[in-house]
Amino acid sequence: MATDDLDRVREQVGGETTDSRVSRPLVAVGFGVALLVLSPLVWLLLRAAAIEPSQAVELLTLPTTVDVTLNTLVLVAGVTTASLALGVPLAILTVQTDLPFRRFWTVTSALPLVVPSYIGAFAFVSAFGPHGLLADLLGVELPEIYGLHGTVFVLTLFTYPYVFLTTRAALLSFDGTVVEAARSLNHTRWEAFKRVTLPQITPGIAAGALLVALYALSDFGTPAIMQYDVFTRMIYNEFGARRLDYASVLSLLLLAMALAILAVESRINAGRDGAYVSRGARRPGEIKLGKWKVPALLFCALVATLCLLLPVGILLLWLVRGGSGYAAGGFSFEPSFAWNSVSLAAAAAAVCVVAALPLAYLSARSDDRIGSLPDRLSYVGYAVPGVVLGLALVYLGLRYVPFLYQSVLLLVFAYVVRFMPQAVGTTKSSLLQVDPSYVEAARSLGYPPLAAFRRVVLPLVAPGIVAGAALVFLTTMKELPATLMLRPTGFETFVTYIWLVRDAGYYGQAAIPALVLVAVSGLSMLVILGREKYDAT
């Protein structure tokens, strides 16, 4: 919109009008997009409904099903507990103590989130696995890394930042005067923390723990590499063996668990009332570590070494060792793989921002639940594990639209279902910062509704739309299970190439694409941090 037009709109704004009304066509479009996003779940339910009840009961009570269920629950509980043990102390150390170099440790504690967990698993198997780099270096046999303990260990290292970030946000928004009031009543610092601080930051801790639980439940790459049977690995194996009945039953069980975690997370989000937004309150006094300063520093350094230095160092070592033998085994990396990854991610990002716009606008401008319902429905797709989504779309392609099976279009659709909520969230956040009366003022100047939105609102929310597109682009680049299950035959990307050379045992050849993916993930962290700065203005 021209600057003069925008100035005219601003002059018309008197503050007495609002844009709380949304048109019926827009509501219809919003619900249409939401139902399209949910459609894969319908195909999954149809596939499961085709199974005879007696057969379904038999599949559900198989010893393998019971074992996989227990394995998954134990894994989720173990990773969540261990993440709390790492994330909460690190958040407290970097916010409330006199830990030296706190800003540095804050960055190193958050950065493990940029390393895809399956790449971390590659690195740890390469270092600690049979005949691994560390075993060769030390000349001794190391304890077995595969199985439950290895999976919990690796997943914890790359998911605990969820707990760290949400706990840190809760601590930063906490009103320190309450703690000082408790101290004035002769409570020790520990008693003040237990009775005052802990209850206040519990929603933040719980929100991070639930994010970790959801990730551990839906992750496919790490359990597969660590050879631990959970739902995602079993579903992928059953899909590969063409036993789709059993795979669909397992998928429904996994989906039920994911939705239960999402429901708990939604309740916590609804009840925290902006707990993550700084209220500008005075911070409590700094805790002096004293003799615990050195152990605290060693703790932070150990976590950073395991989460960052070791995996990145292993990748760089793979790169150095590649040399002339890089193309060994007939798995040489081709530039077309990079182009495939970039073009898929760009297409997914473009479709996501277009589809997200009506949902975000409805949610931001509606006063009732009907208007925000499409936005909420779209988040169900985000909670669906990639392997379940892949199975549902394979069934859809084989049964109803065979011309789309193993096509790029179906693969992009899977990415849109998985990651569109990221675009909805950033766009909605930007829309909430635009005065609704701008649209009314523009319409009073003679602009039709769509033209008023395009010329007044769109330029103002463009930064949020761009941020959403960037997040979708970056996360699409890393998506593993849906890409493996839905890609056209012979169509390789960064992640499928990494998986291919892993299966063949040529770990070194994964160095370049793995380093690129880590760098891409690092960019996603910059986008997130930049977005926080944007929101704070």
Protein backbone atom coordinates (compact mmCIF):
# COMPACT_ATOMS: atom_id res chain seq x y z
CA MET A 1 0.00 0.00 0.00
CA ALA A 2 1.23 3.45 -0.80
CA THR A 3 2.39 5.49 2.16
CA ASP A 4 -0.22 8.17 1.46
CA ASP A 5 -3.00 5.57 1.49
CA LEU A 6 -1.78 4.14 4.79
CA ASP A 7 -1.61 7.63 6.29
CA ARG A 8 -5.17 8.25 5.15
CA VAL A 9 -6.28 5.03 6.80
CA ARG A 10 -4.56 5.96 10.03
CA GLU A 11 -6.25 9.35 9.98
CA GLN A 12 -9.62 7.62 9.66
CA VAL A 13 -9.00 5.42 12.68
CA GLY A 14 -10.80 6.85 15.62
CA GLY A 15 -10.59 3.77 17.80
CA GLU A 16 -14.36 3.30 17.94
CA THR A 17 -14.59 0.60 15.31
CA THR A 18 -13.35 -2.98 15.34
CA ASP A 19 -13.01 -5.76 12.80
CA SER A 20 -14.52 -8.43 15.01
CA ARG A 21 -16.88 -9.58 12.24
CA VAL A 22 -15.62 -12.13 9.78
CA SER A 23 -17.41 -13.05 6.59
CA ARG A 24 -19.09 -16.41 6.06
CA PRO A 25 -17.01 -17.20 2.95
CA LEU A 26 -13.87 -16.72 5.05
CA VAL A 27 -15.25 -19.06 7.73
CA ALA A 28 -16.04 -21.61 5.02
CA VAL A 29 -12.52 -21.33 3.60
CA GLY A 30 -11.02 -21.71 7.08
CA PHE A 31 -13.01 -24.85 7.82
CA GLY A 32 -12.23 -26.21 4.35
CA VAL A 33 -8.49 -25.86 4.96
CA ALA A 34 -8.76 -27.39 8.44
CA LEU A 35 -10.75 -30.38 7.20
CA LEU A 36 -8.27 -30.91 4.36
CA VAL A 37 -5.47 -30.98 6.92
CA LEU A 38 -7.38 -33.52 9.02
CA SER A 39 -8.29 -35.70 6.03
CA PRO A 40 -5.32 -38.11 6.40
CA LEU A 41 -6.70 -39.17 9.77
CA VAL A 42 -9.98 -40.06 8.06
CA TRP A 43 -8.15 -42.37 5.66
CA LEU A 44 -6.34 -43.96 8.60
CA LEU A 45 -9.64 -44.56 10.42
CA LEU A 46 -11.18 -46.02 7.26
CA ARG A 47 -8.21 -48.37 6.91
CA ALA A 48 -8.56 -49.50 10.52
CA ALA A 49 -12.35 -49.85 10.18
CA ALA A 50 -11.85 -52.31 7.33
CA ILE A 51 -10.28 -54.75 9.80
CA GLU A 52 -12.61 -57.33 11.32
CA PRO A 53 -13.25 -56.61 15.04
CA SER A 54 -12.02 -60.04 16.06
CA GLN A 55 -8.84 -59.51 14.05
CA ALA A 56 -8.38 -56.05 15.57
CA VAL A 57 -8.68 -57.49 19.09
CA GLU A 58 -6.22 -60.21 18.19
CA LEU A 59 -3.72 -57.64 16.89
CA LEU A 60 -4.16 -55.43 19.94
CA THR A 61 -3.49 -58.28 22.35
CA LEU A 62 -0.47 -59.71 20.57
CA PRO A 63 2.57 -59.98 22.87
CA THR A 64 4.45 -57.80 20.38
CA THR A 65 1.83 -55.05 20.69
CA VAL A 66 1.96 -55.18 24.49
CA ASP A 67 5.77 -55.10 24.45
CA VAL A 68 5.89 -52.16 22.04
CA THR A 69 3.34 -50.26 24.13
CA LEU A 70 5.36 -50.78 27.30
CA ASN A 71 8.62 -49.92 25.50
CA THR A 72 7.14 -46.68 24.21
CA LEU A 73 5.74 -45.66 27.59
CA VAL A 74 9.05 -46.43 29.32
CA LEU A 75 10.96 -44.46 26.69
CA VAL A 76 8.68 -41.43 27.00
CA ALA A 77 8.85 -41.53 30.80
CA GLY A 78 12.64 -41.97 30.80
CA VAL A 79 13.37 -39.18 28.32
CA THR A 80 10.97 -36.79 30.04
CA THR A 81 12.41 -37.46 33.50
CA ALA A 82 16.01 -37.14 32.32
CA SER A 83 15.19 -33.94 30.42
CA LEU A 84 13.75 -32.44 33.60
CA ALA A 85 16.94 -33.41 35.43
CA LEU A 86 19.02 -31.49 32.88
CA GLY A 87 16.76 -28.64 31.79
CA VAL A 88 15.52 -27.30 35.13
CA PRO A 89 18.95 -26.99 36.86
CA LEU A 90 20.45 -25.38 33.75
CA ALA A 91 17.61 -22.85 33.62
CA ILE A 92 18.03 -21.98 37.31
CA LEU A 93 21.81 -21.70 36.98
CA THR A 94 21.60 -19.33 33.99
CA VAL A 95 18.83 -17.13 35.42
CA GLN A 96 19.08 -16.98 39.20
CA THR A 97 22.72 -17.59 40.14
CA ASP A 98 26.08 -15.85 39.80
CA LEU A 99 27.33 -18.56 37.40
CA PRO A 100 30.27 -17.14 35.39
CA PHE A 101 29.62 -16.56 31.65
CA ARG A 102 25.87 -17.03 32.04
CA ARG A 103 25.06 -15.71 28.55
CA PHE A 104 27.48 -18.20 27.00
CA TRP A 105 26.00 -21.13 28.92
CA THR A 106 22.50 -19.98 28.02
CA VAL A 107 23.35 -20.23 24.31
CA THR A 108 25.12 -23.59 24.64
CA SER A 109 22.23 -24.99 26.66
CA ALA A 110 19.67 -24.02 23.99
CA LEU A 111 21.71 -24.95 20.90
CA PRO A 112 21.35 -28.78 21.13
CA LEU A 113 17.82 -28.22 19.87
CA VAL A 114 19.32 -27.43 16.43
CA VAL A 115 20.88 -30.90 16.06
CA PRO A 116 18.33 -33.37 14.59
CA SER A 117 18.19 -36.26 17.04
CA TYR A 118 18.78 -38.90 14.36
CA ILE A 119 22.03 -37.16 13.37
CA GLY A 120 23.01 -37.12 17.04
CA ALA A 121 22.25 -40.84 17.18
CA PHE A 122 24.48 -41.38 14.11
CA ALA A 123 27.32 -39.58 15.84
CA PHE A 124 26.99 -41.48 19.13
CA VAL A 125 26.78 -44.87 17.44
CA SER A 126 29.85 -43.94 15.40
CA ALA A 127 31.72 -42.91 18.57
CA PHE A 128 30.49 -45.43 21.13
CA GLY A 129 29.16 -48.31 19.01
CA PRO A 130 30.97 -51.58 18.31
CA HIS A 131 34.30 -50.79 16.65
CA GLY A 132 33.45 -47.10 17.03
CA LEU A 133 35.91 -44.23 17.00
CA LEU A 134 36.22 -44.03 20.79
CA ALA A 135 36.62 -47.80 21.22
CA ASP A 136 39.39 -47.81 18.59
CA LEU A 137 41.06 -44.82 20.23
CA LEU A 138 41.00 -46.31 23.73
CA GLY A 139 41.65 -49.86 22.59
CA VAL A 140 38.92 -51.28 24.82
CA GLU A 141 35.41 -52.59 24.37
CA LEU A 142 32.84 -50.05 25.49
CA PRO A 143 29.46 -50.90 27.04
CA GLU A 144 26.62 -51.58 24.62
CA ILE A 145 25.04 -48.32 23.45
CA TYR A 146 22.02 -49.82 21.66
CA GLY A 147 18.68 -50.40 23.33
CA LEU A 148 16.61 -48.47 25.88
CA HIS A 149 19.40 -46.74 27.79
CA GLY A 150 21.12 -45.54 24.60
CA THR A 151 17.84 -44.26 23.14
CA VAL A 152 16.95 -42.43 26.35
CA PHE A 153 20.48 -40.97 26.54
CA VAL A 154 20.54 -39.65 22.97
CA LEU A 155 16.97 -38.36 22.92
CA THR A 156 17.48 -36.59 26.25
CA LEU A 157 20.57 -34.77 25.00
CA PHE A 158 18.69 -33.28 22.06
CA THR A 159 15.27 -32.63 23.60
CA TYR A 160 16.03 -31.29 27.10
CA PRO A 161 16.27 -27.70 25.67
CA TYR A 162 12.45 -27.71 25.48
CA VAL A 163 12.40 -27.89 29.29
CA PHE A 164 15.32 -25.47 29.59
CA LEU A 165 13.68 -22.80 27.41
CA THR A 166 10.19 -22.96 28.95
CA THR A 167 11.55 -23.06 32.52
CA ARG A 168 13.91 -20.18 31.78
CA ALA A 169 11.03 -18.15 30.32
CA ALA A 170 8.95 -18.81 33.44
CA LEU A 171 11.84 -17.77 35.71
CA LEU A 172 12.42 -14.56 33.75
CA SER A 173 8.77 -13.56 34.05
CA PHE A 174 8.62 -14.38 37.75
CA ASP A 175 8.05 -11.50 40.19
CA GLY A 176 11.07 -11.49 42.50
CA THR A 177 9.41 -9.35 45.16
CA VAL A 178 7.39 -12.41 46.24
CA VAL A 179 10.60 -14.30 46.99
CA GLU A 180 12.01 -11.37 48.93
CA ALA A 181 8.78 -11.20 50.94
CA ALA A 182 9.17 -14.87 51.81
CA ARG A 183 12.80 -14.30 52.83
CA SER A 184 11.72 -11.44 55.09
CA LEU A 185 9.54 -13.97 56.93
CA ASN A 186 12.71 -15.91 57.87
CA HIS A 187 12.38 -18.55 55.17
CA THR A 188 15.69 -19.93 53.92
CA ARG A 189 16.46 -19.55 50.22
CA TRP A 190 15.63 -23.23 49.66
CA GLU A 191 12.31 -22.89 51.51
CA ALA A 192 11.48 -19.76 49.52
CA PHE A 193 12.26 -21.58 46.29
CA LYS A 194 10.17 -24.62 47.27
CA ARG A 195 7.17 -22.68 48.58
CA VAL A 196 7.12 -19.65 46.28
CA THR A 197 9.23 -20.01 43.15
CA LEU A 198 8.55 -23.66 42.28
CA PRO A 199 4.72 -23.38 42.23
CA GLN A 200 5.01 -20.29 40.01
CA ILE A 201 7.28 -21.91 37.42
CA THR A 202 5.62 -25.35 37.45
CA PRO A 203 3.42 -24.58 34.40
CA GLY A 204 6.54 -23.66 32.44
CA ILE A 205 8.34 -26.83 33.52
CA ALA A 206 5.29 -28.96 32.72
CA ALA A 207 4.87 -27.36 29.29
CA GLY A 208 8.48 -28.19 28.40
CA ALA A 209 8.12 -31.73 29.75
CA LEU A 210 5.05 -32.34 27.61
CA LEU A 211 6.87 -31.10 24.51
CA VAL A 212 9.66 -33.55 25.28
CA ALA A 213 7.13 -36.36 25.80
CA LEU A 214 5.44 -35.61 22.48
CA TYR A 215 8.78 -35.58 20.68
CA ALA A 216 9.94 -38.84 22.28
CA LEU A 217 6.64 -40.49 21.41
CA SER A 218 6.73 -39.48 17.75
CA ASP A 219 10.45 -39.72 16.98
CA PHE A 220 11.33 -42.36 14.44
CA GLY A 221 15.00 -41.93 13.54
CA THR A 222 16.62 -42.27 16.96
CA PRO A 223 14.86 -45.49 18.13
CA ALA A 224 15.48 -47.02 14.70
CA ILE A 225 19.20 -46.24 14.83
CA MET A 226 19.49 -47.35 18.46
CA GLN A 227 17.61 -50.59 17.64
CA TYR A 228 14.88 -50.11 20.23
CA ASP A 229 11.39 -51.26 19.34
CA VAL A 230 8.77 -48.56 19.81
CA PHE A 231 5.59 -47.73 17.90
CA THR A 232 7.26 -45.61 15.22
CA ARG A 233 9.91 -48.23 14.40
CA MET A 234 7.35 -51.06 14.38
CA ILE A 235 4.94 -49.12 12.13
CA TYR A 236 7.72 -48.40 9.65
CA ASN A 237 8.82 -52.06 9.65
CA GLU A 238 5.25 -53.31 9.19
CA PHE A 239 4.77 -50.80 6.37
CA GLY A 240 7.95 -52.09 4.70
CA ALA A 241 6.66 -55.66 5.02
CA ARG A 242 3.30 -54.58 3.52
CA ARG A 243 1.38 -55.68 6.65
CA LEU A 244 -0.80 -52.57 6.58
CA ASP A 245 -3.51 -53.96 8.89
CA TYR A 246 -1.12 -54.27 11.81
CA ALA A 247 0.57 -50.97 10.94
CA SER A 248 -2.78 -49.13 10.99
CA VAL A 249 -3.71 -50.60 14.40
CA LEU A 250 -0.36 -49.55 15.84
CA SER A 251 -0.79 -46.11 14.25
CA LEU A 252 -4.14 -45.58 15.95
CA LEU A 253 -2.67 -46.50 19.32
CA LEU A 254 0.24 -44.11 18.78
CA LEU A 255 -2.11 -41.38 17.60
CA ALA A 256 -4.28 -41.79 20.72
CA MET A 257 -1.21 -41.31 22.92
CA ALA A 258 -0.10 -38.23 20.98
CA LEU A 259 -3.55 -36.64 21.20
CA ALA A 260 -3.68 -37.31 24.94
CA ILE A 261 -0.36 -35.49 25.41
CA LEU A 262 -1.55 -32.65 23.16
CA ALA A 263 -4.74 -32.30 25.20
CA VAL A 264 -2.78 -32.02 28.45
CA GLU A 265 -0.41 -29.51 26.85
CA SER A 266 -3.38 -27.42 25.62
CA ARG A 267 -4.88 -27.30 29.10
CA ILE A 268 -1.59 -26.10 30.56
CA ASN A 269 -1.24 -23.46 27.84
CA ALA A 270 -4.79 -22.27 28.47
CA GLY A 271 -4.14 -21.89 32.18
CA ARG A 272 -0.81 -20.18 32.24
CA ASP A 273 -2.20 -16.71 31.40
CA GLY A 274 0.86 -15.31 29.71
CA ALA A 275 3.31 -16.82 32.14
CA TYR A 276 6.00 -16.63 29.47
CA VAL A 277 5.63 -12.92 28.91
CA SER A 278 7.84 -10.76 31.04
CA ARG A 279 5.82 -8.52 33.33
CA GLY A 280 8.74 -6.23 33.94
CA ALA A 281 8.72 -7.25 37.56
CA ARG A 282 11.79 -6.92 39.71
CA ARG A 283 14.00 -10.00 39.62
CA PRO A 284 14.85 -11.78 42.92
CA GLY A 285 18.30 -11.45 44.38
CA GLU A 286 21.08 -13.44 42.76
CA ILE A 287 21.96 -16.76 44.41
CA LYS A 288 25.65 -16.96 45.33
CA LEU A 289 26.99 -20.39 44.32
CA GLY A 290 30.07 -20.19 46.54
CA LYS A 291 31.84 -23.55 46.67
CA TRP A 292 29.32 -24.95 44.16
CA LYS A 293 30.55 -22.62 41.41
CA VAL A 294 33.13 -25.09 40.04
CA PRO A 295 30.77 -28.11 40.04
CA ALA A 296 28.14 -25.94 38.34
CA LEU A 297 30.61 -24.93 35.63
CA LEU A 298 31.67 -28.55 35.12
CA PHE A 299 28.01 -29.59 34.82
CA CYS A 300 27.34 -26.96 32.12
CA ALA A 301 30.57 -27.87 30.29
CA LEU A 302 29.77 -31.61 30.36
CA VAL A 303 26.31 -31.07 28.88
CA ALA A 304 27.68 -28.78 26.14
CA THR A 305 30.42 -31.29 25.30
CA LEU A 306 28.02 -34.21 24.95
CA CYS A 307 25.35 -32.27 23.09
CA LEU A 308 27.42 -30.05 20.79
CA LEU A 309 31.16 -30.72 20.67
CA LEU A 310 30.97 -34.49 20.35
CA PRO A 311 28.36 -34.80 17.54
CA VAL A 312 29.72 -31.86 15.52
CA GLY A 313 33.26 -33.14 16.06
CA ILE A 314 32.26 -36.60 14.79
CA LEU A 315 30.67 -35.06 11.69
CA LEU A 316 33.79 -33.01 10.98
CA LEU A 317 35.93 -36.11 11.47
CA TRP A 318 33.77 -37.97 8.95
CA LEU A 319 34.32 -35.09 6.54
CA VAL A 320 38.11 -35.14 6.99
CA ARG A 321 38.28 -38.89 6.63
CA GLY A 322 36.10 -38.80 3.49
CA GLY A 323 38.81 -37.75 1.03
CA SER A 324 39.17 -39.83 -2.07
CA GLY A 325 37.09 -42.63 -0.59
CA TYR A 326 34.07 -40.41 -0.24
CA ALA A 327 32.24 -42.10 -3.12
CA ALA A 328 32.91 -45.61 -1.79
CA GLY A 329 30.06 -48.08 -2.00
CA GLY A 330 28.40 -46.34 -4.93
CA PHE A 331 26.64 -43.83 -2.68
CA SER A 332 28.20 -40.59 -3.86
CA PHE A 333 26.26 -37.48 -2.97
CA GLU A 334 24.79 -35.67 -5.97
CA PRO A 335 23.85 -31.96 -6.16
CA SER A 336 20.36 -32.95 -7.29
CA PHE A 337 19.69 -34.30 -3.78
CA ALA A 338 20.24 -30.81 -2.36
CA TRP A 339 18.01 -29.28 -5.05
CA ASN A 340 15.27 -31.81 -4.26
CA SER A 341 15.40 -30.91 -0.56
CA VAL A 342 15.36 -27.17 -1.20
CA SER A 343 12.59 -27.27 -3.82
CA LEU A 344 10.36 -29.48 -1.64
CA ALA A 345 10.87 -27.26 1.39
CA ALA A 346 10.21 -24.09 -0.64
CA ALA A 347 6.99 -25.54 -2.09
CA ALA A 348 5.79 -26.63 1.36
CA ALA A 349 6.56 -23.20 2.81
CA ALA A 350 4.69 -21.39 0.01
CA VAL A 351 1.59 -23.57 0.34
CA CYS A 352 1.65 -23.34 4.14
CA VAL A 353 1.68 -19.54 4.32
CA VAL A 354 -1.18 -19.27 1.81
CA ALA A 355 -3.29 -21.91 3.60
CA ALA A 356 -2.45 -20.50 7.03
CA LEU A 357 -3.62 -16.96 6.28
CA PRO A 358 -7.42 -17.53 6.51
CA LEU A 359 -7.03 -19.69 9.63
CA ALA A 360 -4.83 -17.11 11.34
CA TYR A 361 -7.14 -14.24 10.39
CA LEU A 362 -10.22 -16.10 11.66
CA SER A 363 -8.54 -16.94 14.95
CA ALA A 364 -7.16 -13.44 15.48
CA ARG A 365 -10.35 -11.56 14.61
CA SER A 366 -13.13 -13.83 15.90
CA ASP A 367 -14.69 -13.45 19.31
CA ASP A 368 -16.26 -16.92 19.40
CA ARG A 369 -15.04 -20.50 19.43
CA ILE A 370 -16.34 -21.18 15.93
CA GLY A 371 -13.87 -18.73 14.45
CA SER A 372 -10.88 -20.17 16.30
CA LEU A 373 -11.89 -23.80 15.74
CA PRO A 374 -10.12 -24.20 12.33
CA ASP A 375 -6.90 -22.92 13.92
CA ARG A 376 -7.18 -25.46 16.74
CA LEU A 377 -8.04 -28.29 14.35
CA SER A 378 -4.95 -27.61 12.27
CA TYR A 379 -2.75 -28.33 15.31
CA VAL A 380 -3.97 -31.93 15.35
CA GLY A 381 -1.98 -32.49 12.17
CA TYR A 382 1.13 -31.15 13.93
CA ALA A 383 0.69 -33.74 16.70
CA VAL A 384 0.38 -36.64 14.28
CA PRO A 385 3.73 -38.50 14.17
CA GLY A 386 5.34 -38.37 10.73
CA VAL A 387 5.30 -42.16 10.37
CA VAL A 388 1.54 -42.26 11.05
CA LEU A 389 0.90 -39.46 8.59
CA GLY A 390 3.01 -41.25 6.00
CA LEU A 391 1.05 -44.47 6.43
CA ALA A 392 -2.29 -42.65 6.14
CA LEU A 393 -1.26 -40.95 2.91
CA VAL A 394 0.14 -44.18 1.47
CA TYR A 395 -3.28 -45.74 2.03
CA LEU A 396 -4.99 -42.70 0.50
CA GLY A 397 -2.72 -42.82 -2.55
CA LEU A 398 -3.02 -46.57 -3.13
CA ARG A 399 -6.77 -46.79 -2.59
CA TYR A 400 -8.30 -43.56 -3.87
CA VAL A 401 -5.83 -41.44 -5.86
CA PRO A 402 -3.26 -43.83 -7.36
CA PHE A 403 -2.00 -41.13 -9.73
CA LEU A 404 -0.75 -39.24 -6.64
CA TYR A 405 0.95 -42.22 -4.98
CA GLN A 406 4.72 -41.63 -4.64
CA SER A 407 4.35 -38.18 -6.18
CA VAL A 408 5.89 -34.89 -5.14
CA LEU A 409 2.40 -33.41 -4.70
CA LEU A 410 1.45 -35.96 -2.03
CA LEU A 411 4.78 -35.42 -0.28
CA VAL A 412 4.26 -31.64 -0.19
CA PHE A 413 0.74 -32.21 1.16
CA ALA A 414 2.22 -34.28 3.99
CA TYR A 415 4.60 -31.44 4.88
CA VAL A 416 1.70 -28.95 4.86
CA VAL A 417 -0.32 -31.13 7.24
CA ARG A 418 2.67 -31.49 9.60
CA PHE A 419 4.03 -27.96 9.64
CA MET A 420 1.25 -25.53 8.72
CA PRO A 421 0.60 -24.69 12.42
CA GLN A 422 4.03 -23.03 12.49
CA ALA A 423 2.90 -20.62 9.77
CA VAL A 424 -0.49 -20.15 11.45
CA GLY A 425 1.15 -19.26 14.77
CA THR A 426 3.55 -16.63 13.44
CA THR A 427 0.92 -15.09 11.14
CA LYS A 428 -1.68 -14.94 13.92
CA SER A 429 0.85 -13.34 16.25
CA SER A 430 1.48 -10.59 13.68
CA LEU A 431 -2.24 -10.07 13.02
CA LEU A 432 -2.89 -9.54 16.72
CA GLN A 433 -0.47 -6.61 16.63
CA VAL A 434 -2.41 -4.84 13.86
CA ASP A 435 -5.20 -2.52 14.98
CA PRO A 436 -8.45 -4.07 13.62
CA SER A 437 -9.92 -0.63 13.02
CA TYR A 438 -7.43 -0.14 10.15
CA VAL A 439 -9.52 -2.40 7.94
CA GLU A 440 -12.74 -0.57 8.83
CA ALA A 441 -11.07 2.73 8.08
CA ALA A 442 -9.83 1.47 4.72
CA ARG A 443 -13.29 0.25 3.83
CA SER A 444 -14.73 3.64 4.75
CA LEU A 445 -12.36 5.03 2.12
CA GLY A 446 -13.99 2.83 -0.52
CA TYR A 447 -11.76 -0.25 -0.55
CA PRO A 448 -13.55 -3.64 -0.94
CA PRO A 449 -12.83 -6.11 1.93
CA LEU A 450 -10.19 -8.12 0.08
CA ALA A 451 -8.47 -4.99 -1.25
CA ALA A 452 -8.53 -3.45 2.23
CA PHE A 453 -6.82 -6.54 3.64
CA ARG A 454 -4.28 -6.71 0.82
CA ARG A 455 -3.36 -3.03 0.92
CA VAL A 456 -3.58 -2.34 4.66
CA VAL A 457 -3.08 -5.53 6.69
CA LEU A 458 -0.84 -7.62 4.47
CA PRO A 459 2.13 -5.21 4.44
CA LEU A 460 1.97 -4.95 8.24
CA VAL A 461 1.92 -8.72 8.86
CA ALA A 462 4.49 -9.55 6.17
CA PRO A 463 7.34 -10.08 8.73
CA GLY A 464 5.28 -12.71 10.55
CA ILE A 465 4.38 -14.45 7.30
CA VAL A 466 8.03 -14.52 6.24
CA ALA A 467 9.05 -15.91 9.65
CA GLY A 468 6.41 -18.64 9.34
CA ALA A 469 7.59 -19.54 5.84
CA ALA A 470 11.18 -19.74 7.09
CA LEU A 471 10.23 -22.05 9.96
CA VAL A 472 8.27 -24.36 7.66
CA PHE A 473 11.13 -24.38 5.14
CA LEU A 474 13.73 -25.26 7.76
CA THR A 475 11.72 -27.98 9.52
CA THR A 476 10.68 -29.53 6.21
CA MET A 477 14.34 -29.93 5.28
CA LYS A 478 14.77 -32.20 8.35
CA GLU A 479 11.57 -34.28 8.15
CA LEU A 480 12.54 -37.95 7.94
CA PRO A 481 9.78 -40.61 8.18
CA ALA A 482 7.16 -39.01 5.90
CA THR A 483 9.87 -38.33 3.31
CA LEU A 484 11.07 -41.94 3.43
CA MET A 485 7.55 -43.34 3.02
CA LEU A 486 6.11 -40.96 0.42
CA ARG A 487 8.96 -39.87 -1.85
CA PRO A 488 8.91 -40.94 -5.50
CA THR A 489 11.15 -43.90 -6.29
CA GLY A 490 14.71 -42.71 -6.92
CA PHE A 491 13.93 -39.23 -5.60
CA GLU A 492 16.61 -38.60 -2.96
CA THR A 493 16.95 -35.68 -0.54
CA PHE A 494 19.39 -34.82 2.24
CA VAL A 495 17.57 -36.96 4.80
CA THR A 496 16.87 -39.94 2.54
CA TYR A 497 20.52 -39.96 1.44
CA ILE A 498 21.69 -39.91 5.08
CA TRP A 499 19.34 -42.82 5.82
CA LEU A 500 20.58 -44.70 2.76
CA VAL A 501 24.26 -44.51 3.67
CA ARG A 502 23.44 -45.34 7.29
CA ASP A 503 21.71 -48.54 6.20
CA ALA A 504 24.77 -49.39 4.11
CA GLY A 505 27.16 -48.60 6.99
CA TYR A 506 28.98 -45.80 5.12
CA TYR A 507 28.59 -43.29 7.92
CA GLY A 508 31.35 -41.03 6.62
CA GLN A 509 29.41 -40.24 3.48
CA ALA A 510 26.69 -38.63 5.57
CA ALA A 511 29.10 -35.90 6.73
CA ILE A 512 28.24 -33.15 4.26
CA PRO A 513 24.42 -33.50 4.28
CA ALA A 514 24.42 -33.94 8.06
CA LEU A 515 26.49 -30.79 8.58
CA VAL A 516 24.20 -28.90 6.19
CA LEU A 517 21.15 -30.05 8.14
CA VAL A 518 22.74 -28.99 11.44
CA ALA A 519 23.47 -25.57 9.89
CA VAL A 520 19.89 -25.36 8.61
CA SER A 521 18.60 -26.22 12.07
CA GLY A 522 20.83 -23.48 13.46
CA LEU A 523 19.13 -21.02 11.13
CA SER A 524 15.76 -22.12 12.51
CA MET A 525 17.00 -21.18 15.98
CA LEU A 526 17.99 -17.73 14.67
CA VAL A 527 14.50 -17.33 13.19
CA ILE A 528 12.94 -18.27 16.53
CA LEU A 529 15.16 -15.86 18.46
CA GLY A 530 14.51 -13.13 15.90
CA ARG A 531 10.80 -13.74 16.21
CA GLU A 532 10.97 -13.35 20.00
CA LYS A 533 12.68 -10.00 19.49
CA TYR A 534 9.99 -9.01 16.97
CA ASP A 535 7.23 -9.94 19.39
CA ALA A 536 8.87 -7.97 22.16
CA THR A 537 8.78 -4.73 20.21
